[in-house]
């Protein structure tokens, strides 16, 4: 499970993210990311990388356009099935 919040002040943004194991409630990741609002793609890649590491994935496959696209590709298919 993943939850988060977003705070924005002028051109700065903070995203807080928490990921946990739904089976036992253990925390896998609890962190925050700060960036300028014009740098959202870098923020997305940092968040995807942190989440993939917390899920035990070492890195995105070679040739992948971004860690975010690789991380969520199969997850979105699962969402559509529900």
Protein backbone atom coordinates (compact mmCIF):
# COMPACT_ATOMS: atom_id res chain seq x y z
CA UNK A 1 0.00 0.00 0.00
CA UNK A 2 1.16 3.53 -0.75
CA UNK A 3 -0.14 6.82 0.59
CA UNK A 4 1.17 10.32 0.49
CA UNK A 5 0.57 14.02 0.71
CA UNK A 6 1.60 17.09 -1.27
CA UNK A 7 2.40 20.54 0.10
CA UNK A 8 3.11 23.51 -2.18
CA UNK A 9 4.43 26.95 -1.31
CA UNK A 10 4.92 29.30 -4.26
CA UNK A 11 7.39 27.37 -6.47
CA UNK A 12 8.46 24.73 -3.91
CA UNK A 13 6.77 21.41 -3.39
CA UNK A 14 7.12 18.65 -0.80
CA UNK A 15 5.75 15.14 -1.34
CA UNK A 16 5.60 12.81 1.64
CA UNK A 17 5.33 9.11 0.81
CA UNK A 18 4.67 6.06 2.96
CA UNK A 19 4.62 2.50 1.64
CA UNK A 20 3.75 -0.48 3.79
CA UNK A 21 3.13 -4.18 3.55
CA UNK A 22 -0.64 -4.75 3.65
CA UNK A 23 -0.21 -8.30 4.97
CA UNK A 24 1.61 -7.42 8.19
CA UNK A 25 1.53 -3.61 8.38
CA UNK A 26 5.31 -3.22 8.33
CA UNK A 27 6.63 0.04 6.89
CA UNK A 28 8.64 -0.37 3.69
CA UNK A 29 9.31 3.31 3.03
CA UNK A 30 8.59 6.58 4.81
CA UNK A 31 10.26 9.63 3.32
CA UNK A 32 9.76 13.06 1.82
CA UNK A 33 10.88 14.62 -1.44
CA UNK A 34 11.42 18.36 -1.98
CA UNK A 35 11.69 20.05 -5.37
CA UNK A 36 10.86 23.08 -7.45
CA UNK A 37 7.50 22.83 -9.20
CA UNK A 38 9.20 23.06 -12.61
CA UNK A 39 11.19 19.86 -11.90
CA UNK A 40 8.35 17.33 -11.56
CA UNK A 41 9.83 14.68 -13.88
CA UNK A 42 12.99 14.46 -11.77
CA UNK A 43 10.82 14.19 -8.66
CA UNK A 44 8.80 11.40 -10.29
CA UNK A 45 11.96 9.45 -11.11
CA UNK A 46 13.36 9.88 -7.57
CA UNK A 47 10.09 8.68 -6.04
CA UNK A 48 9.85 5.68 -8.38
CA UNK A 49 13.45 4.74 -7.63
CA UNK A 50 12.90 4.94 -3.86
CA UNK A 51 9.69 2.91 -4.10
CA UNK A 52 11.28 0.26 -6.31
CA UNK A 53 14.17 -0.13 -3.85
CA UNK A 54 11.74 -0.41 -0.92
CA UNK A 55 9.95 -3.20 -2.81
CA UNK A 56 13.23 -5.06 -3.28
CA UNK A 57 13.77 -4.18 -6.94
CA UNK A 58 17.37 -3.35 -7.73
CA UNK A 59 16.89 -1.06 -10.75
CA UNK A 60 14.87 -0.57 -13.88
CA UNK A 61 15.69 -2.75 -16.87
CA UNK A 62 18.27 -1.48 -19.36
CA UNK A 63 16.72 0.71 -22.00
CA UNK A 64 13.75 1.71 -19.85
CA UNK A 65 12.73 5.34 -20.38
CA UNK A 66 12.24 5.95 -16.67
CA UNK A 67 12.11 4.10 -13.40
CA UNK A 68 8.56 5.39 -12.90
CA UNK A 69 7.29 3.87 -16.14
CA UNK A 70 8.94 0.54 -15.34
CA UNK A 71 7.74 0.43 -11.73
CA UNK A 72 4.08 1.18 -12.42
CA UNK A 73 3.57 -0.62 -15.75
CA UNK A 74 2.39 -3.92 -14.23
CA UNK A 75 0.78 -2.21 -11.22
CA UNK A 76 -1.62 -0.26 -13.47
CA UNK A 77 -2.65 -3.46 -15.23
CA UNK A 78 -3.59 -4.85 -11.81
CA UNK A 79 -5.60 -1.71 -10.98
CA UNK A 80 -7.61 -2.06 -14.18
CA UNK A 81 -8.44 -5.65 -13.33
CA UNK A 82 -9.98 -4.75 -9.95
